[in-house]
């Protein structure tokens, strides 16, 4: 959001920003492991842009790390608020509305500006799942459909063998350039010159 603000996509000091974080239902439903398919609840914290941007960006936060901390705390609070009751209520709503017009996630309308819809495969144990000799045993690659990617839809890839984490971030070119120029961003990213971000 900070980088979108810097390139003029978010120009209001009171602009609200939206983040949609999937929370895995599996632990609440006690599904067998591995379980394929989606079983998620959408945690959706809303944050004011001034709470995310550092003072150097004419906002009220004292440092870039404070904005990152504010975002992380808001997301964690929403994720931790998901309970077995939330799961039950969501499944009940789906059952009651299965014959009605599908509900549209309102965040889709904000993906170009103030919304982020995160997709995560971090818990997918790609490197340790053995599919047998007929399928070449272990997986060697993880592919994402290009048509499903776009600004505001970052993807967390499966956990690396060393425990590390990789992201796919798709944004407008001016937003990516703003990210690459940022000192705090560089602390969390390796090989960004090689891969373009």
C-alpha atoms as a PDB file:
ATOM      1  CA  UNK A   1       0.000   0.000   0.000  1.00  0.00           C
ATOM      2  CA  UNK A   2       2.867   2.346   0.814  1.00  0.00           C
ATOM      3  CA  UNK A   3       4.356   1.827  -2.644  1.00  0.00           C
ATOM      4  CA  UNK A   4       0.995   2.364  -4.314  1.00  0.00           C
ATOM      5  CA  UNK A   5       0.700   5.609  -2.316  1.00  0.00           C
ATOM      6  CA  UNK A   6       4.154   6.703  -3.506  1.00  0.00           C
ATOM      7  CA  UNK A   7       3.218   6.284  -7.164  1.00  0.00           C
ATOM      8  CA  UNK A   8      -0.105   8.111  -6.791  1.00  0.00           C
ATOM      9  CA  UNK A   9      -2.587   5.227  -6.700  1.00  0.00           C
ATOM     10  CA  UNK A  10      -3.609   6.125  -3.141  1.00  0.00           C
ATOM     11  CA  UNK A  11      -3.663   9.890  -2.659  1.00  0.00           C
ATOM     12  CA  UNK A  12      -5.926  10.438   0.331  1.00  0.00           C
ATOM     13  CA  UNK A  13      -4.448  10.721   3.827  1.00  0.00           C
ATOM     14  CA  UNK A  14      -7.529   8.946   5.203  1.00  0.00           C
ATOM     15  CA  UNK A  15      -7.617   6.224   2.535  1.00  0.00           C
ATOM     16  CA  UNK A  16      -8.621   2.877   3.953  1.00  0.00           C
ATOM     17  CA  UNK A  17      -6.681  -0.166   2.814  1.00  0.00           C
ATOM     18  CA  UNK A  18      -7.955  -3.716   2.717  1.00  0.00           C
ATOM     19  CA  UNK A  19      -6.145  -7.018   3.097  1.00  0.00           C
ATOM     20  CA  UNK A  20      -7.673 -10.436   2.585  1.00  0.00           C
ATOM     21  CA  UNK A  21      -5.736 -13.267   4.260  1.00  0.00           C
ATOM     22  CA  UNK A  22      -6.885 -16.876   3.852  1.00  0.00           C
ATOM     23  CA  UNK A  23      -7.016 -18.839   7.103  1.00  0.00           C
ATOM     24  CA  UNK A  24      -6.828 -22.619   6.762  1.00  0.00           C
ATOM     25  CA  UNK A  25      -9.921 -24.359   8.166  1.00  0.00           C
ATOM     26  CA  UNK A  26      -8.203 -27.726   8.364  1.00  0.00           C
ATOM     27  CA  UNK A  27      -7.106 -27.395  11.981  1.00  0.00           C
ATOM     28  CA  UNK A  28     -10.663 -26.451  13.001  1.00  0.00           C
ATOM     29  CA  UNK A  29     -12.289 -29.239  10.983  1.00  0.00           C
ATOM     30  CA  UNK A  30      -9.736 -31.910  11.926  1.00  0.00           C
ATOM     31  CA  UNK A  31      -9.355 -33.029   8.308  1.00  0.00           C
ATOM     32  CA  UNK A  32      -6.903 -35.788   7.495  1.00  0.00           C
ATOM     33  CA  UNK A  33      -3.433 -34.801   6.290  1.00  0.00           C
ATOM     34  CA  UNK A  34      -2.652 -34.306   3.505  1.00  0.00           C
ATOM     35  CA  UNK A  35      -5.990 -32.841   2.484  1.00  0.00           C
ATOM     36  CA  UNK A  36      -6.284 -31.492  -1.046  1.00  0.00           C
ATOM     37  CA  UNK A  37      -8.657 -28.724  -1.985  1.00  0.00           C
ATOM     38  CA  UNK A  38      -9.555 -25.401  -0.410  1.00  0.00           C
ATOM     39  CA  UNK A  39     -10.845 -25.093   3.130  1.00  0.00           C
ATOM     40  CA  UNK A  40     -10.361 -21.423   3.983  1.00  0.00           C
ATOM     41  CA  UNK A  41     -11.913 -18.510   5.804  1.00  0.00           C
ATOM     42  CA  UNK A  42     -11.130 -14.970   4.605  1.00  0.00           C
ATOM     43  CA  UNK A  43      -9.776 -12.789   7.400  1.00  0.00           C
ATOM     44  CA  UNK A  44     -10.130  -9.175   6.230  1.00  0.00           C
ATOM     45  CA  UNK A  45      -8.450  -6.464   8.307  1.00  0.00           C
ATOM     46  CA  UNK A  46      -8.970  -2.832   7.278  1.00  0.00           C
ATOM     47  CA  UNK A  47      -6.204  -0.303   7.968  1.00  0.00           C
ATOM     48  CA  UNK A  48      -5.904   3.429   7.399  1.00  0.00           C
ATOM     49  CA  UNK A  49      -3.079   4.332   5.020  1.00  0.00           C
ATOM     50  CA  UNK A  50      -1.556   6.865   7.485  1.00  0.00           C
ATOM     51  CA  UNK A  51      -1.055   4.000   9.958  1.00  0.00           C
ATOM     52  CA  UNK A  52       1.064   2.141   7.399  1.00  0.00           C
ATOM     53  CA  UNK A  53       3.232   4.903   5.910  1.00  0.00           C
ATOM     54  CA  UNK A  54       6.375   6.356   7.522  1.00  0.00           C
ATOM     55  CA  UNK A  55       6.722  10.028   8.408  1.00  0.00           C
ATOM     56  CA  UNK A  56       8.906  10.599   5.326  1.00  0.00           C
ATOM     57  CA  UNK A  57       5.839   9.943   3.211  1.00  0.00           C
ATOM     58  CA  UNK A  58       3.992  12.825   4.894  1.00  0.00           C
ATOM     59  CA  UNK A  59       2.123  10.365   7.083  1.00  0.00           C
ATOM     60  CA  UNK A  60       1.974   9.984  10.867  1.00  0.00           C
ATOM     61  CA  UNK A  61       3.966   6.770  11.448  1.00  0.00           C
ATOM     62  CA  UNK A  62       7.356   7.287  13.106  1.00  0.00           C
ATOM     63  CA  UNK A  63       9.305   4.738  11.002  1.00  0.00           C
ATOM     64  CA  UNK A  64       8.841   2.339   8.057  1.00  0.00           C
ATOM     65  CA  UNK A  65       9.078  -0.591  10.470  1.00  0.00           C
ATOM     66  CA  UNK A  66       6.175   0.836  12.522  1.00  0.00           C
ATOM     67  CA  UNK A  67       3.902   0.691   9.472  1.00  0.00           C
ATOM     68  CA  UNK A  68       4.940  -2.892   8.796  1.00  0.00           C
ATOM     69  CA  UNK A  69       4.331  -3.733  12.452  1.00  0.00           C
ATOM     70  CA  UNK A  70       0.868  -2.135  12.362  1.00  0.00           C
ATOM     71  CA  UNK A  71      -0.064  -4.204   9.296  1.00  0.00           C
ATOM     72  CA  UNK A  72       1.318  -7.437  10.771  1.00  0.00           C
ATOM     73  CA  UNK A  73      -0.526  -6.904  14.081  1.00  0.00           C
ATOM     74  CA  UNK A  74      -3.843  -6.198  12.338  1.00  0.00           C
ATOM     75  CA  UNK A  75      -3.512  -9.259  10.095  1.00  0.00           C
ATOM     76  CA  UNK A  76      -2.469 -11.509  13.006  1.00  0.00           C
ATOM     77  CA  UNK A  77      -5.398 -10.303  15.124  1.00  0.00           C
ATOM     78  CA  UNK A  78      -7.848 -11.183  12.326  1.00  0.00           C
ATOM     79  CA  UNK A  79      -6.228 -14.585  11.758  1.00  0.00           C
ATOM     80  CA  UNK A  80      -6.294 -15.389  15.498  1.00  0.00           C
ATOM     81  CA  UNK A  81      -9.951 -14.338  15.707  1.00  0.00           C
ATOM     82  CA  UNK A  82     -10.979 -17.240  13.461  1.00  0.00           C
ATOM     83  CA  UNK A  83     -12.538 -19.894  15.685  1.00  0.00           C
ATOM     84  CA  UNK A  84     -14.432 -23.138  15.302  1.00  0.00           C
ATOM     85  CA  UNK A  85     -17.630 -21.055  15.586  1.00  0.00           C
ATOM     86  CA  UNK A  86     -16.561 -18.892  12.607  1.00  0.00           C
ATOM     87  CA  UNK A  87     -16.007 -22.047  10.603  1.00  0.00           C
ATOM     88  CA  UNK A  88     -19.425 -23.441  11.572  1.00  0.00           C
ATOM     89  CA  UNK A  89     -21.189 -20.145  10.773  1.00  0.00           C
ATOM     90  CA  UNK A  90     -19.433 -19.810   7.395  1.00  0.00           C
ATOM     91  CA  UNK A  91     -20.294 -23.373   6.410  1.00  0.00           C
ATOM     92  CA  UNK A  92     -23.895 -22.768   7.491  1.00  0.00           C
ATOM     93  CA  UNK A  93     -24.075 -19.621   5.334  1.00  0.00           C
ATOM     94  CA  UNK A  94     -22.676 -21.515   2.352  1.00  0.00           C
ATOM     95  CA  UNK A  95     -25.255 -24.245   2.823  1.00  0.00           C
ATOM     96  CA  UNK A  96     -28.154 -21.766   3.091  1.00  0.00           C
ATOM     97  CA  UNK A  97     -27.054 -19.784   0.020  1.00  0.00           C
ATOM     98  CA  UNK A  98     -25.829 -22.565  -2.270  1.00  0.00           C
ATOM     99  CA  UNK A  99     -28.741 -22.044  -4.673  1.00  0.00           C
ATOM    100  CA  UNK A 100     -28.532 -18.246  -4.657  1.00  0.00           C
ATOM    101  CA  UNK A 101     -26.403 -15.978  -6.846  1.00  0.00           C
ATOM    102  CA  UNK A 102     -22.804 -16.376  -5.685  1.00  0.00           C
ATOM    103  CA  UNK A 103     -21.501 -13.725  -3.325  1.00  0.00           C
ATOM    104  CA  UNK A 104     -18.827 -11.476  -4.765  1.00  0.00           C
ATOM    105  CA  UNK A 105     -15.797 -10.633  -2.640  1.00  0.00           C
ATOM    106  CA  UNK A 106     -15.938  -6.831  -2.391  1.00  0.00           C
ATOM    107  CA  UNK A 107     -12.144  -6.657  -2.279  1.00  0.00           C
ATOM    108  CA  UNK A 108     -11.963  -7.482  -6.011  1.00  0.00           C
ATOM    109  CA  UNK A 109     -13.116  -3.958  -6.770  1.00  0.00           C
ATOM    110  CA  UNK A 110     -10.106  -2.533  -4.875  1.00  0.00           C
ATOM    111  CA  UNK A 111      -7.232  -4.735  -6.083  1.00  0.00           C
ATOM    112  CA  UNK A 112      -5.747  -2.044  -8.344  1.00  0.00           C
ATOM    113  CA  UNK A 113      -5.682   0.545  -5.550  1.00  0.00           C
ATOM    114  CA  UNK A 114      -6.442  -0.157  -1.892  1.00  0.00           C
ATOM    115  CA  UNK A 115      -6.944  -3.934  -1.736  1.00  0.00           C
ATOM    116  CA  UNK A 116      -4.647  -6.929  -1.425  1.00  0.00           C
ATOM    117  CA  UNK A 117      -5.929 -10.502  -1.772  1.00  0.00           C
ATOM    118  CA  UNK A 118      -3.192 -12.869  -0.584  1.00  0.00           C
ATOM    119  CA  UNK A 119      -2.994 -16.467  -1.766  1.00  0.00           C
ATOM    120  CA  UNK A 120      -0.755 -18.800   0.207  1.00  0.00           C
ATOM    121  CA  UNK A 121       0.596 -22.242  -0.600  1.00  0.00           C
ATOM    122  CA  UNK A 122       3.158 -22.021   2.222  1.00  0.00           C
ATOM    123  CA  UNK A 123       1.705 -25.004   4.094  1.00  0.00           C
ATOM    124  CA  UNK A 124       1.657 -27.216   0.974  1.00  0.00           C
ATOM    125  CA  UNK A 125       4.387 -29.780   1.618  1.00  0.00           C
ATOM    126  CA  UNK A 126       5.499 -29.917  -2.017  1.00  0.00           C
ATOM    127  CA  UNK A 127       9.078 -31.016  -1.350  1.00  0.00           C
ATOM    128  CA  UNK A 128       8.209 -33.964   0.881  1.00  0.00           C
ATOM    129  CA  UNK A 129       5.093 -35.468  -0.761  1.00  0.00           C
ATOM    130  CA  UNK A 130       5.970 -38.688  -2.587  1.00  0.00           C
ATOM    131  CA  UNK A 131       3.615 -39.439  -5.498  1.00  0.00           C
ATOM    132  CA  UNK A 132       5.307 -42.749  -6.371  1.00  0.00           C
ATOM    133  CA  UNK A 133       7.488 -43.827  -9.253  1.00  0.00           C
ATOM    134  CA  UNK A 134       4.654 -43.577 -11.824  1.00  0.00           C
ATOM    135  CA  UNK A 135       4.584 -39.810 -11.213  1.00  0.00           C
ATOM    136  CA  UNK A 136       8.310 -39.295 -10.691  1.00  0.00           C
ATOM    137  CA  UNK A 137       8.161 -39.446  -6.888  1.00  0.00           C
ATOM    138  CA  UNK A 138       8.746 -35.908  -5.564  1.00  0.00           C
ATOM    139  CA  UNK A 139       7.470 -32.743  -7.215  1.00  0.00           C
ATOM    140  CA  UNK A 140      10.109 -30.623  -8.904  1.00  0.00           C
ATOM    141  CA  UNK A 141       8.179 -27.483  -9.788  1.00  0.00           C
ATOM    142  CA  UNK A 142       5.188 -25.431  -8.726  1.00  0.00           C
ATOM    143  CA  UNK A 143       3.351 -23.563 -11.470  1.00  0.00           C
ATOM    144  CA  UNK A 144       0.872 -20.737 -11.198  1.00  0.00           C
ATOM    145  CA  UNK A 145      -1.660 -19.900 -13.919  1.00  0.00           C
ATOM    146  CA  UNK A 146      -0.661 -16.518 -15.355  1.00  0.00           C
ATOM    147  CA  UNK A 147      -4.286 -15.495 -15.906  1.00  0.00           C
ATOM    148  CA  UNK A 148      -4.951 -15.737 -12.161  1.00  0.00           C
ATOM    149  CA  UNK A 149      -2.192 -13.254 -11.293  1.00  0.00           C
ATOM    150  CA  UNK A 150      -2.515  -9.494 -11.313  1.00  0.00           C
ATOM    151  CA  UNK A 151      -1.904  -6.371  -9.240  1.00  0.00           C
ATOM    152  CA  UNK A 152      -3.053  -6.838  -5.669  1.00  0.00           C
ATOM    153  CA  UNK A 153      -2.838 -10.645  -5.708  1.00  0.00           C
ATOM    154  CA  UNK A 154       0.519 -11.684  -4.173  1.00  0.00           C
ATOM    155  CA  UNK A 155       1.195 -15.419  -3.830  1.00  0.00           C
ATOM    156  CA  UNK A 156       3.196 -17.151  -1.109  1.00  0.00           C
ATOM    157  CA  UNK A 157       4.853 -20.215  -2.654  1.00  0.00           C
ATOM    158  CA  UNK A 158       5.356 -23.552  -0.842  1.00  0.00           C
ATOM    159  CA  UNK A 159       7.901 -23.554   2.000  1.00  0.00           C
ATOM    160  CA  UNK A 160      11.448 -24.120   0.739  1.00  0.00           C
ATOM    161  CA  UNK A 161      13.484 -27.083   1.957  1.00  0.00           C
ATOM    162  CA  UNK A 162      15.554 -24.743   4.137  1.00  0.00           C
ATOM    163  CA  UNK A 163      12.368 -23.307   5.702  1.00  0.00           C
ATOM    164  CA  UNK A 164      12.566 -20.121   3.640  1.00  0.00           C
ATOM    165  CA  UNK A 165       9.713 -18.321   1.957  1.00  0.00           C
ATOM    166  CA  UNK A 166       9.204 -17.083  -1.612  1.00  0.00           C
ATOM    167  CA  UNK A 167       6.563 -14.644  -2.862  1.00  0.00           C
ATOM    168  CA  UNK A 168       5.260 -13.760  -6.289  1.00  0.00           C
ATOM    169  CA  UNK A 169       4.369 -10.070  -6.307  1.00  0.00           C
ATOM    170  CA  UNK A 170       2.543  -8.647  -9.311  1.00  0.00           C
ATOM    171  CA  UNK A 171       2.093  -4.872  -9.404  1.00  0.00           C
ATOM    172  CA  UNK A 172       2.239  -2.041 -11.912  1.00  0.00           C
ATOM    173  CA  UNK A 173       5.743  -1.238 -13.136  1.00  0.00           C
ATOM    174  CA  UNK A 174       5.932   2.090 -11.281  1.00  0.00           C
ATOM    175  CA  UNK A 175       4.866   0.394  -8.034  1.00  0.00           C
ATOM    176  CA  UNK A 176       7.551  -2.305  -8.440  1.00  0.00           C
ATOM    177  CA  UNK A 177      10.208   0.371  -9.093  1.00  0.00           C
ATOM    178  CA  UNK A 178       9.157   2.132  -5.896  1.00  0.00           C
ATOM    179  CA  UNK A 179       9.450  -1.147  -3.969  1.00  0.00           C
ATOM    180  CA  UNK A 180      12.917  -1.945  -5.351  1.00  0.00           C
ATOM    181  CA  UNK A 181      14.153   1.536  -4.362  1.00  0.00           C
ATOM    182  CA  UNK A 182      12.943   1.151  -0.749  1.00  0.00           C
ATOM    183  CA  UNK A 183      15.580   0.393   1.924  1.00  0.00           C
ATOM    184  CA  UNK A 184      13.268  -1.572   4.226  1.00  0.00           C
ATOM    185  CA  UNK A 185      11.908  -3.663   1.349  1.00  0.00           C
ATOM    186  CA  UNK A 186      15.476  -4.609   0.351  1.00  0.00           C
ATOM    187  CA  UNK A 187      16.112  -6.044   3.831  1.00  0.00           C
ATOM    188  CA  UNK A 188      13.461  -8.712   3.227  1.00  0.00           C
ATOM    189  CA  UNK A 189      14.221  -9.526  -0.404  1.00  0.00           C
ATOM    190  CA  UNK A 190      17.125 -11.354  -2.039  1.00  0.00           C
ATOM    191  CA  UNK A 191      17.925 -11.628  -5.738  1.00  0.00           C
ATOM    192  CA  UNK A 192      15.489  -8.853  -6.663  1.00  0.00           C
ATOM    193  CA  UNK A 193      17.845  -7.516  -9.356  1.00  0.00           C
ATOM    194  CA  UNK A 194      17.986 -10.987 -10.926  1.00  0.00           C
ATOM    195  CA  UNK A 195      14.231 -11.478 -11.000  1.00  0.00           C
ATOM    196  CA  UNK A 196      13.117  -7.902 -11.578  1.00  0.00           C
ATOM    197  CA  UNK A 197      11.771  -7.103  -8.131  1.00  0.00           C
END
